[in-house]
Amino acid sequence: MSHIETCFKSIYRDIRGDIMVRDVTYSLNEMFDYYVAQREARKPPQQPRDGDDEDDNQGRSENDDVEHFDILKWWSENSRYPVLSEMARDILAIPISSVASKSAFSLGGRILYPYRSSLAPCVFEALVCASDWLKIIDLERKYNEDMFEELGNIGLEEYQSALATVGVQDADPLCRNKDD
């Protein structure tokens, strides 16, 4: 929690940081209580193991193997904290970027240009969301135009074939001369 507190206070630099830390702490405590209740409902109580209160990593420096540390692997292998393990599995599976993975790994171009990096995070997120929405609207418009054109072509072909069976030539009113 100290890392979250440091991050929020460095981002907001005012009372909002304290409020955000309080809200996150409250939410995590509520979530923990929920996971404990779910776990107790699923499994019968077990006897505690000897040495549960001892930390196996005593004496290790915090910086040991930090670069090679795989948090997902650690949580999957550590059943010592089963509730936290389940919470971490569910929380760490949530994508943390508002940028679509297709855009993030695309070679087409960057989304975060230098002038955008000075924007507040909420403004940047709003810009990315608006951009995505506009792209979707444009795709829907193109799809609707294609469908309209395709339906129009089908209708025109049926209309012309029906006229041909009756023996009418060049029934398109746009192609007629005004003298006719």
N, C-alpha and C. Protein backbone atom coordinates (compact mmCIF):
# COMPACT_ATOMS: atom_id res chain seq x y z
N MET A 1 0.82 -1.19 0.00
CA MET A 1 0.00 0.00 0.00
C MET A 1 0.87 1.26 0.00
N SER A 2 2.08 1.14 0.49
CA SER A 2 2.92 2.34 0.52
C SER A 2 3.26 2.80 -0.90
N HIS A 3 3.41 1.85 -1.82
CA HIS A 3 3.69 2.22 -3.21
C HIS A 3 2.48 2.93 -3.83
N ILE A 4 1.29 2.42 -3.57
CA ILE A 4 0.07 3.06 -4.08
C ILE A 4 -0.06 4.46 -3.50
N GLU A 5 0.21 4.59 -2.22
CA GLU A 5 0.14 5.91 -1.58
C GLU A 5 1.14 6.88 -2.21
N THR A 6 2.35 6.42 -2.43
CA THR A 6 3.37 7.27 -3.06
C THR A 6 2.95 7.68 -4.46
N CYS A 7 2.42 6.74 -5.22
CA CYS A 7 2.00 7.05 -6.60
C CYS A 7 0.86 8.06 -6.63
N PHE A 8 -0.17 7.83 -5.83
CA PHE A 8 -1.30 8.75 -5.83
C PHE A 8 -0.89 10.15 -5.37
N LYS A 9 -0.03 10.21 -4.36
CA LYS A 9 0.39 11.53 -3.88
C LYS A 9 1.29 12.23 -4.88
N SER A 10 2.07 11.48 -5.64
CA SER A 10 2.90 12.14 -6.66
C SER A 10 2.07 12.57 -7.86
N ILE A 11 0.99 11.87 -8.15
CA ILE A 11 0.13 12.25 -9.27
C ILE A 11 -0.74 13.44 -8.91
N TYR A 12 -1.39 13.41 -7.74
CA TYR A 12 -2.39 14.43 -7.41
C TYR A 12 -1.88 15.57 -6.55
N ARG A 13 -0.88 15.34 -5.72
CA ARG A 13 -0.22 16.36 -4.91
C ARG A 13 -1.16 17.18 -4.01
N ASP A 14 -2.30 16.69 -3.71
CA ASP A 14 -3.18 17.41 -2.80
C ASP A 14 -4.05 16.41 -2.05
N ILE A 15 -5.12 16.89 -1.48
CA ILE A 15 -5.99 16.05 -0.66
C ILE A 15 -6.60 14.91 -1.48
N ARG A 16 -6.71 15.09 -2.80
CA ARG A 16 -7.28 14.03 -3.64
C ARG A 16 -6.44 12.75 -3.55
N GLY A 17 -5.13 12.89 -3.41
CA GLY A 17 -4.27 11.72 -3.27
C GLY A 17 -4.62 10.92 -2.02
N ASP A 18 -4.83 11.63 -0.91
CA ASP A 18 -5.22 10.96 0.34
C ASP A 18 -6.58 10.29 0.20
N ILE A 19 -7.51 10.97 -0.46
CA ILE A 19 -8.85 10.41 -0.66
C ILE A 19 -8.77 9.15 -1.53
N MET A 20 -7.97 9.22 -2.58
CA MET A 20 -7.83 8.06 -3.47
C MET A 20 -7.21 6.87 -2.72
N VAL A 21 -6.19 7.13 -1.91
CA VAL A 21 -5.55 6.06 -1.14
C VAL A 21 -6.57 5.44 -0.18
N ARG A 22 -7.35 6.29 0.48
CA ARG A 22 -8.38 5.79 1.40
C ARG A 22 -9.40 4.93 0.66
N ASP A 23 -9.83 5.39 -0.51
CA ASP A 23 -10.83 4.65 -1.29
C ASP A 23 -10.28 3.31 -1.77
N VAL A 24 -9.03 3.30 -2.23
CA VAL A 24 -8.41 2.05 -2.69
C VAL A 24 -8.24 1.09 -1.52
N THR A 25 -7.80 1.59 -0.38
CA THR A 25 -7.64 0.75 0.81
C THR A 25 -8.97 0.14 1.22
N TYR A 26 -10.01 0.97 1.25
CA TYR A 26 -11.34 0.48 1.61
C TYR A 26 -11.81 -0.58 0.61
N SER A 27 -11.63 -0.31 -0.67
CA SER A 27 -12.06 -1.26 -1.70
C SER A 27 -11.31 -2.59 -1.60
N LEU A 28 -10.01 -2.52 -1.37
CA LEU A 28 -9.22 -3.75 -1.24
C LEU A 28 -9.63 -4.54 0.00
N ASN A 29 -9.91 -3.84 1.10
CA ASN A 29 -10.37 -4.53 2.30
C ASN A 29 -11.72 -5.20 2.07
N GLU A 30 -12.63 -4.50 1.40
CA GLU A 30 -13.93 -5.07 1.06
C GLU A 30 -13.76 -6.29 0.16
N MET A 31 -12.87 -6.17 -0.82
CA MET A 31 -12.63 -7.27 -1.75
C MET A 31 -12.03 -8.46 -1.00
N PHE A 32 -11.11 -8.19 -0.10
CA PHE A 32 -10.50 -9.26 0.68
C PHE A 32 -11.56 -9.99 1.50
N ASP A 33 -12.43 -9.23 2.17
CA ASP A 33 -13.50 -9.84 2.96
C ASP A 33 -14.41 -10.70 2.08
N TYR A 34 -14.70 -10.23 0.88
CA TYR A 34 -15.54 -10.98 -0.06
C TYR A 34 -14.86 -12.29 -0.45
N TYR A 35 -13.57 -12.23 -0.77
CA TYR A 35 -12.84 -13.44 -1.17
C TYR A 35 -12.74 -14.43 0.00
N VAL A 36 -12.57 -13.91 1.21
CA VAL A 36 -12.52 -14.79 2.38
C VAL A 36 -13.86 -15.50 2.54
N ALA A 37 -14.96 -14.76 2.41
CA ALA A 37 -16.29 -15.35 2.54
C ALA A 37 -16.53 -16.40 1.45
N GLN A 38 -16.11 -16.10 0.23
CA GLN A 38 -16.27 -17.05 -0.87
C GLN A 38 -15.46 -18.31 -0.63
N ARG A 39 -14.25 -18.14 -0.13
CA ARG A 39 -13.38 -19.29 0.12
C ARG A 39 -13.93 -20.15 1.25
N GLU A 40 -14.43 -19.51 2.30
CA GLU A 40 -14.99 -20.27 3.42
C GLU A 40 -16.24 -21.03 2.99
N ALA A 41 -17.01 -20.46 2.08
CA ALA A 41 -18.22 -21.13 1.61
C ALA A 41 -17.89 -22.33 0.72
N ARG A 42 -16.75 -22.29 0.03
CA ARG A 42 -16.38 -23.36 -0.90
C ARG A 42 -15.68 -24.53 -0.24
N LYS A 43 -14.86 -24.26 0.75
CA LYS A 43 -14.00 -25.31 1.29
C LYS A 43 -14.24 -25.52 2.78
N PRO A 44 -14.06 -26.77 3.21
CA PRO A 44 -14.14 -27.02 4.65
C PRO A 44 -12.92 -26.43 5.35
N PRO A 45 -13.05 -26.08 6.62
CA PRO A 45 -11.89 -25.50 7.32
C PRO A 45 -10.75 -26.51 7.41
N GLN A 46 -9.53 -26.00 7.33
CA GLN A 46 -8.34 -26.84 7.40
C GLN A 46 -7.53 -26.46 8.62
N GLN A 47 -6.70 -27.40 9.05
CA GLN A 47 -5.82 -27.15 10.17
C GLN A 47 -4.68 -26.25 9.73
N PRO A 48 -4.31 -25.25 10.53
CA PRO A 48 -3.18 -24.40 10.14
C PRO A 48 -1.87 -25.17 10.16
N ARG A 49 -0.99 -24.81 9.26
CA ARG A 49 0.33 -25.45 9.20
C ARG A 49 1.25 -24.82 10.23
N ASP A 50 2.24 -25.59 10.65
CA ASP A 50 3.25 -25.03 11.56
C ASP A 50 4.09 -24.03 10.80
N GLY A 51 4.39 -22.92 11.45
CA GLY A 51 5.27 -21.93 10.84
C GLY A 51 4.58 -21.01 9.87
N ASP A 52 3.25 -20.92 9.91
CA ASP A 52 2.55 -20.02 8.99
C ASP A 52 2.91 -18.56 9.23
N ASP A 53 3.28 -18.25 10.45
CA ASP A 53 3.57 -16.86 10.77
C ASP A 53 4.98 -16.45 10.38
N GLU A 54 5.81 -17.40 10.04
CA GLU A 54 7.18 -17.08 9.69
C GLU A 54 7.30 -16.77 8.22
N ASP A 55 8.17 -15.84 7.89
CA ASP A 55 8.40 -15.48 6.49
C ASP A 55 9.59 -16.26 5.97
N ASP A 56 9.39 -17.01 4.89
CA ASP A 56 10.48 -17.80 4.32
C ASP A 56 11.56 -16.94 3.70
N ASN A 57 11.26 -15.70 3.41
CA ASN A 57 12.20 -14.83 2.72
C ASN A 57 12.97 -13.92 3.67
N GLN A 58 13.01 -14.25 4.96
CA GLN A 58 13.75 -13.41 5.89
C GLN A 58 15.22 -13.42 5.52
N GLY A 59 15.83 -12.25 5.59
CA GLY A 59 17.24 -12.14 5.30
C GLY A 59 17.53 -11.85 3.84
N ARG A 60 16.54 -11.94 2.98
CA ARG A 60 16.75 -11.62 1.56
C ARG A 60 16.58 -10.13 1.36
N SER A 61 17.39 -9.61 0.53
CA SER A 61 17.28 -8.20 0.18
C SER A 61 16.09 -8.00 -0.74
N GLU A 62 15.44 -6.82 -0.63
CA GLU A 62 14.29 -6.54 -1.49
C GLU A 62 14.69 -6.46 -2.95
N ASN A 63 15.94 -6.15 -3.23
CA ASN A 63 16.39 -5.98 -4.61
C ASN A 63 16.88 -7.28 -5.25
N ASP A 64 16.92 -8.39 -4.49
CA ASP A 64 17.35 -9.67 -5.05
C ASP A 64 16.37 -10.12 -6.12
N ASP A 65 16.86 -10.41 -7.27
CA ASP A 65 16.08 -10.97 -8.38
C ASP A 65 14.87 -10.13 -8.77
N VAL A 66 14.90 -8.84 -8.53
CA VAL A 66 13.77 -7.98 -8.89
C VAL A 66 13.58 -7.95 -10.40
N GLU A 67 14.68 -7.91 -11.13
CA GLU A 67 14.58 -7.84 -12.59
C GLU A 67 14.02 -9.12 -13.19
N HIS A 68 14.23 -10.25 -12.53
CA HIS A 68 13.80 -11.54 -13.07
C HIS A 68 12.58 -12.10 -12.33
N PHE A 69 11.94 -11.27 -11.53
CA PHE A 69 10.82 -11.73 -10.72
C PHE A 69 9.55 -11.79 -11.55
N ASP A 70 8.89 -12.94 -11.55
CA ASP A 70 7.62 -13.13 -12.27
C ASP A 70 6.51 -13.23 -11.23
N ILE A 71 5.75 -12.14 -11.08
CA ILE A 71 4.76 -12.08 -10.02
C ILE A 71 3.63 -13.09 -10.22
N LEU A 72 3.22 -13.31 -11.47
CA LEU A 72 2.16 -14.28 -11.71
C LEU A 72 2.60 -15.69 -11.34
N LYS A 73 3.85 -16.02 -11.66
CA LYS A 73 4.37 -17.34 -11.31
C LYS A 73 4.46 -17.48 -9.79
N TRP A 74 4.91 -16.42 -9.12
CA TRP A 74 5.04 -16.46 -7.66
C TRP A 74 3.68 -16.71 -7.02
N TRP A 75 2.65 -15.98 -7.47
CA TRP A 75 1.32 -16.14 -6.88
C TRP A 75 0.74 -17.52 -7.19
N SER A 76 1.04 -18.06 -8.37
CA SER A 76 0.49 -19.38 -8.70
C SER A 76 1.16 -20.48 -7.88
N GLU A 77 2.42 -20.28 -7.51
CA GLU A 77 3.15 -21.29 -6.75
C GLU A 77 2.95 -21.14 -5.25
N ASN A 78 2.54 -19.99 -4.79
CA ASN A 78 2.41 -19.75 -3.36
C ASN A 78 0.98 -19.95 -2.91
N SER A 79 0.73 -21.08 -2.30
CA SER A 79 -0.59 -21.34 -1.76
C SER A 79 -0.63 -20.98 -0.27
N ARG A 80 0.42 -20.37 0.19
CA ARG A 80 0.51 -20.00 1.58
C ARG A 80 -0.47 -18.89 1.92
N TYR A 81 -0.75 -18.05 0.94
CA TYR A 81 -1.71 -16.97 1.10
C TYR A 81 -2.82 -17.19 0.06
N PRO A 82 -3.69 -18.15 0.28
CA PRO A 82 -4.64 -18.52 -0.77
C PRO A 82 -5.61 -17.41 -1.15
N VAL A 83 -6.05 -16.62 -0.19
CA VAL A 83 -7.00 -15.54 -0.51
C VAL A 83 -6.29 -14.47 -1.33
N LEU A 84 -5.11 -14.07 -0.90
CA LEU A 84 -4.36 -13.08 -1.67
C LEU A 84 -3.98 -13.62 -3.04
N SER A 85 -3.71 -14.91 -3.11
CA SER A 85 -3.38 -15.52 -4.39
C SER A 85 -4.55 -15.42 -5.36
N GLU A 86 -5.76 -15.70 -4.89
CA GLU A 86 -6.94 -15.59 -5.75
C GLU A 86 -7.20 -14.14 -6.15
N MET A 87 -7.03 -13.23 -5.20
CA MET A 87 -7.22 -11.81 -5.51
C MET A 87 -6.22 -11.35 -6.56
N ALA A 88 -4.96 -11.72 -6.38
CA ALA A 88 -3.92 -11.31 -7.32
C ALA A 88 -4.20 -11.89 -8.70
N ARG A 89 -4.65 -13.14 -8.75
CA ARG A 89 -4.96 -13.75 -10.04
C ARG A 89 -6.04 -12.95 -10.77
N ASP A 90 -7.08 -12.57 -10.05
CA ASP A 90 -8.18 -11.84 -10.68
C ASP A 90 -7.81 -10.39 -11.01
N ILE A 91 -7.09 -9.74 -10.12
CA ILE A 91 -6.74 -8.33 -10.33
C ILE A 91 -5.67 -8.19 -11.41
N LEU A 92 -4.66 -9.05 -11.38
CA LEU A 92 -3.57 -8.93 -12.35
C LEU A 92 -4.00 -9.33 -13.75
N ALA A 93 -5.14 -9.98 -13.88
CA ALA A 93 -5.65 -10.34 -15.20
C ALA A 93 -6.34 -9.18 -15.89
N ILE A 94 -6.59 -8.09 -15.16
CA ILE A 94 -7.26 -6.93 -15.72
C ILE A 94 -6.26 -6.12 -16.54
N PRO A 95 -6.58 -5.80 -17.79
CA PRO A 95 -5.68 -4.95 -18.57
C PRO A 95 -5.56 -3.57 -17.92
N ILE A 96 -4.35 -3.06 -17.82
CA ILE A 96 -4.17 -1.78 -17.14
C ILE A 96 -4.06 -0.61 -18.10
N SER A 97 -4.18 -0.85 -19.37
CA SER A 97 -4.06 0.22 -20.35
C SER A 97 -5.40 0.50 -20.97
N SER A 98 -5.67 1.78 -21.19
CA SER A 98 -6.90 2.15 -21.89
C SER A 98 -6.68 2.09 -23.40
N VAL A 99 -5.44 1.83 -23.80
CA VAL A 99 -5.12 1.74 -25.22
C VAL A 99 -5.32 0.29 -25.65
N ALA A 100 -6.01 0.09 -26.74
CA ALA A 100 -6.25 -1.25 -27.24
C ALA A 100 -4.93 -1.94 -27.56
N SER A 101 -4.85 -3.24 -27.27
CA SER A 101 -3.59 -3.95 -27.52
C SER A 101 -3.22 -3.91 -29.00
N LYS A 102 -4.22 -3.87 -29.88
CA LYS A 102 -3.94 -3.77 -31.31
C LYS A 102 -3.17 -2.49 -31.60
N SER A 103 -3.56 -1.40 -30.95
CA SER A 103 -2.87 -0.13 -31.15
C SER A 103 -1.52 -0.11 -30.46
N ALA A 104 -1.45 -0.73 -29.29
CA ALA A 104 -0.20 -0.70 -28.53
C ALA A 104 0.91 -1.45 -29.25
N PHE A 105 0.58 -2.53 -29.95
CA PHE A 105 1.59 -3.32 -30.61
C PHE A 105 1.64 -3.09 -32.11
N SER A 106 0.95 -2.09 -32.57
CA SER A 106 0.91 -1.78 -34.00
C SER A 106 2.16 -1.01 -34.40
N LEU A 107 2.62 -1.25 -35.60
CA LEU A 107 3.75 -0.51 -36.13
C LEU A 107 3.29 0.74 -36.86
N GLY A 108 1.99 0.97 -36.87
CA GLY A 108 1.41 2.08 -37.62
C GLY A 108 1.73 3.45 -37.07
N GLY A 109 1.96 3.58 -35.82
CA GLY A 109 2.25 4.89 -35.26
C GLY A 109 1.97 4.93 -33.77
N ARG A 110 2.43 6.00 -33.15
CA ARG A 110 2.27 6.16 -31.72
C ARG A 110 0.97 6.87 -31.40
N ILE A 111 0.40 6.53 -30.27
CA ILE A 111 -0.78 7.24 -29.79
C ILE A 111 -0.34 8.39 -28.89
N LEU A 112 0.69 8.17 -28.09
CA LEU A 112 1.14 9.18 -27.14
C LEU A 112 2.22 10.03 -27.78
N TYR A 113 1.80 11.14 -28.37
CA TYR A 113 2.74 12.07 -28.97
C TYR A 113 3.28 12.99 -27.89
N PRO A 114 4.41 13.66 -28.14
CA PRO A 114 5.02 14.48 -27.09
C PRO A 114 4.08 15.53 -26.49
N TYR A 115 3.22 16.17 -27.32
CA TYR A 115 2.35 17.20 -26.74
C TYR A 115 1.28 16.58 -25.85
N ARG A 116 0.94 15.32 -26.07
CA ARG A 116 -0.07 14.67 -25.24
C ARG A 116 0.50 14.22 -23.91
N SER A 117 1.80 14.03 -23.83
CA SER A 117 2.38 13.52 -22.59
C SER A 117 2.28 14.53 -21.45
N SER A 118 2.00 15.79 -21.77
CA SER A 118 1.85 16.78 -20.71
C SER A 118 0.40 16.91 -20.25
N LEU A 119 -0.50 16.15 -20.84
CA LEU A 119 -1.91 16.19 -20.45
C LEU A 119 -2.14 15.39 -19.18
N ALA A 120 -3.18 15.77 -18.46
CA ALA A 120 -3.58 15.00 -17.29
C ALA A 120 -4.04 13.61 -17.74
N PRO A 121 -3.84 12.60 -16.92
CA PRO A 121 -4.22 11.24 -17.32
C PRO A 121 -5.68 11.12 -17.74
N CYS A 122 -6.58 11.80 -17.03
CA CYS A 122 -8.00 11.67 -17.38
C CYS A 122 -8.29 12.32 -18.73
N VAL A 123 -7.59 13.41 -19.07
CA VAL A 123 -7.79 14.06 -20.36
C VAL A 123 -7.25 13.17 -21.47
N PHE A 124 -6.08 12.58 -21.25
CA PHE A 124 -5.50 11.68 -22.24
C PHE A 124 -6.40 10.48 -22.48
N GLU A 125 -6.92 9.90 -21.40
CA GLU A 125 -7.81 8.76 -21.54
C GLU A 125 -9.07 9.15 -22.31
N ALA A 126 -9.59 10.35 -22.04
CA ALA A 126 -10.77 10.82 -22.77
C ALA A 126 -10.47 10.96 -24.26
N LEU A 127 -9.28 11.47 -24.59
CA LEU A 127 -8.90 11.61 -25.99
C LEU A 127 -8.79 10.25 -26.69
N VAL A 128 -8.18 9.29 -26.01
CA VAL A 128 -8.04 7.96 -26.60
C VAL A 128 -9.41 7.31 -26.79
N CYS A 129 -10.27 7.44 -25.77
CA CYS A 129 -11.63 6.86 -25.89
C CYS A 129 -12.41 7.53 -27.01
N ALA A 130 -12.35 8.87 -27.08
CA ALA A 130 -13.07 9.58 -28.14
C ALA A 130 -12.55 9.16 -29.51
N SER A 131 -11.25 9.00 -29.63
CA SER A 131 -10.67 8.55 -30.90
C SER A 131 -11.19 7.17 -31.28
N ASP A 132 -11.23 6.27 -30.30
CA ASP A 132 -11.76 4.92 -30.57
C ASP A 132 -13.23 4.98 -30.98
N TRP A 133 -14.01 5.81 -30.30
CA TRP A 133 -15.44 5.92 -30.62
C TRP A 133 -15.63 6.47 -32.03
N LEU A 134 -14.84 7.47 -32.38
CA LEU A 134 -14.97 8.04 -33.72
C LEU A 134 -14.59 7.03 -34.80
N LYS A 135 -13.57 6.22 -34.52
CA LYS A 135 -13.19 5.18 -35.48
C LYS A 135 -14.32 4.17 -35.65
N ILE A 136 -14.97 3.81 -34.55
CA ILE A 136 -16.09 2.87 -34.62
C ILE A 136 -17.24 3.46 -35.41
N ILE A 137 -17.54 4.74 -35.15
CA ILE A 137 -18.63 5.41 -35.89
C ILE A 137 -18.31 5.42 -37.38
N ASP A 138 -17.06 5.71 -37.73
CA ASP A 138 -16.66 5.73 -39.13
C ASP A 138 -16.79 4.34 -39.76
N LEU A 139 -16.37 3.31 -39.03
CA LEU A 139 -16.51 1.94 -39.53
C LEU A 139 -17.97 1.57 -39.73
N GLU A 140 -18.82 1.96 -38.77
CA GLU A 140 -20.25 1.67 -38.90
C GLU A 140 -20.84 2.40 -40.10
N ARG A 141 -20.43 3.65 -40.31
CA ARG A 141 -20.93 4.43 -41.45
C ARG A 141 -20.53 3.75 -42.76
N LYS A 142 -19.26 3.34 -42.86
CA LYS A 142 -18.80 2.66 -44.07
C LYS A 142 -19.54 1.35 -44.28
N TYR A 143 -19.77 0.62 -43.20
CA TYR A 143 -20.51 -0.64 -43.30
C TYR A 143 -21.93 -0.38 -43.80
N ASN A 144 -22.58 0.63 -43.22
CA ASN A 144 -23.95 0.95 -43.64
C ASN A 144 -24.00 1.40 -45.09
N GLU A 145 -23.02 2.19 -45.52
CA GLU A 145 -22.97 2.62 -46.92
C GLU A 145 -22.80 1.41 -47.85
N ASP A 146 -21.91 0.50 -47.47
CA ASP A 146 -21.70 -0.70 -48.28
C ASP A 146 -22.97 -1.55 -48.35
N MET A 147 -23.63 -1.70 -47.21
CA MET A 147 -24.87 -2.49 -47.20
C MET A 147 -25.95 -1.82 -48.05
N PHE A 148 -26.06 -0.49 -47.93
CA PHE A 148 -27.06 0.25 -48.71
C PHE A 148 -26.78 0.09 -50.20
N GLU A 149 -25.49 0.22 -50.56
CA GLU A 149 -25.12 0.07 -51.97
C GLU A 149 -25.41 -1.34 -52.47
N GLU A 150 -25.07 -2.34 -51.64
CA GLU A 150 -25.31 -3.73 -52.02
C GLU A 150 -26.81 -3.99 -52.17
N LEU A 151 -27.60 -3.51 -51.23
CA LEU A 151 -29.05 -3.70 -51.32
C LEU A 151 -29.62 -2.94 -52.51
N GLY A 152 -29.08 -1.76 -52.77
CA GLY A 152 -29.52 -0.99 -53.93
C GLY A 152 -29.21 -1.71 -55.22
N ASN A 153 -28.03 -2.30 -55.30
CA ASN A 153 -27.66 -3.05 -56.51
C ASN A 153 -28.56 -4.26 -56.70
N ILE A 154 -28.85 -4.94 -55.61
CA ILE A 154 -29.74 -6.11 -55.71
C ILE A 154 -31.12 -5.67 -56.20
N GLY A 155 -31.62 -4.58 -55.61
CA GLY A 155 -32.94 -4.08 -56.02
C GLY A 155 -32.95 -3.60 -57.45
N LEU A 156 -31.89 -2.93 -57.89
CA LEU A 156 -31.80 -2.42 -59.26
C LEU A 156 -31.77 -3.58 -60.26
N GLU A 157 -30.98 -4.61 -59.94
CA GLU A 157 -30.89 -5.77 -60.83
C GLU A 157 -32.25 -6.46 -60.96
N GLU A 158 -32.95 -6.63 -59.82
CA GLU A 158 -34.27 -7.26 -59.87
C GLU A 158 -35.26 -6.40 -60.66
N TYR A 159 -35.18 -5.09 -60.46
CA TYR A 159 -36.07 -4.16 -61.16
C TYR A 159 -35.83 -4.22 -62.67
N GLN A 160 -34.54 -4.20 -63.05
CA GLN A 160 -34.22 -4.25 -64.48
C GLN A 160 -34.60 -5.58 -65.10
N SER A 161 -34.39 -6.68 -64.36
CA SER A 161 -34.77 -7.99 -64.92
C SER A 161 -36.29 -8.10 -65.05
N ALA A 162 -37.02 -7.52 -64.11
CA ALA A 162 -38.49 -7.54 -64.20
C ALA A 162 -38.96 -6.73 -65.40
N LEU A 163 -38.33 -5.58 -65.64
CA LEU A 163 -38.70 -4.76 -66.80
C LEU A 163 -38.34 -5.46 -68.10
N ALA A 164 -37.21 -6.17 -68.10
CA ALA A 164 -36.79 -6.87 -69.31
C ALA A 164 -37.77 -7.99 -69.66
N THR A 165 -38.32 -8.63 -68.65
CA THR A 165 -39.30 -9.69 -68.93
C THR A 165 -40.59 -9.12 -69.52
N VAL A 166 -40.89 -7.88 -69.17
CA VAL A 166 -42.08 -7.23 -69.72
C VAL A 166 -41.78 -6.63 -71.09
N GLY A 167 -40.49 -6.43 -71.38
CA GLY A 167 -40.10 -5.90 -72.68
C GLY A 167 -39.80 -4.42 -72.69
N VAL A 168 -39.62 -3.80 -71.53
CA VAL A 168 -39.31 -2.36 -71.47
C VAL A 168 -37.80 -2.20 -71.51
N GLN A 169 -37.31 -1.30 -72.36
CA GLN A 169 -35.88 -1.02 -72.48
C GLN A 169 -35.58 0.30 -71.78
N ASP A 170 -34.43 0.41 -71.14
CA ASP A 170 -33.93 1.65 -70.55
C ASP A 170 -34.99 2.34 -69.70
N ALA A 171 -35.40 1.68 -68.64
CA ALA A 171 -36.45 2.22 -67.78
C ALA A 171 -35.91 3.11 -66.69
N ASP A 172 -34.62 3.36 -66.68
CA ASP A 172 -34.03 4.21 -65.65
C ASP A 172 -34.41 5.65 -65.90
N PRO A 173 -35.16 6.31 -65.00
CA PRO A 173 -35.62 7.67 -65.24
C PRO A 173 -34.48 8.67 -65.32
N LEU A 174 -33.33 8.39 -64.74
CA LEU A 174 -32.21 9.32 -64.79
C LEU A 174 -31.55 9.33 -66.16
N CYS A 175 -31.72 8.25 -66.93
CA CYS A 175 -31.09 8.15 -68.24
C CYS A 175 -31.99 8.64 -69.37
N ARG A 176 -33.22 8.97 -69.08
CA ARG A 176 -34.16 9.41 -70.12
C ARG A 176 -33.92 10.86 -70.50
N ASN A 177 -34.18 11.16 -71.72
CA ASN A 177 -34.17 12.55 -72.17
C ASN A 177 -35.48 13.21 -71.78
N LYS A 178 -35.46 14.50 -71.62
CA LYS A 178 -36.68 15.20 -71.25
C LYS A 178 -37.66 15.24 -72.41
N ASP A 179 -37.16 14.98 -73.64
CA ASP A 179 -38.04 15.00 -74.81
C ASP A 179 -38.96 13.79 -74.84
N ASP A 180 -38.58 12.67 -74.15
CA ASP A 180 -39.37 11.44 -74.18
C ASP A 180 -40.68 11.58 -73.47
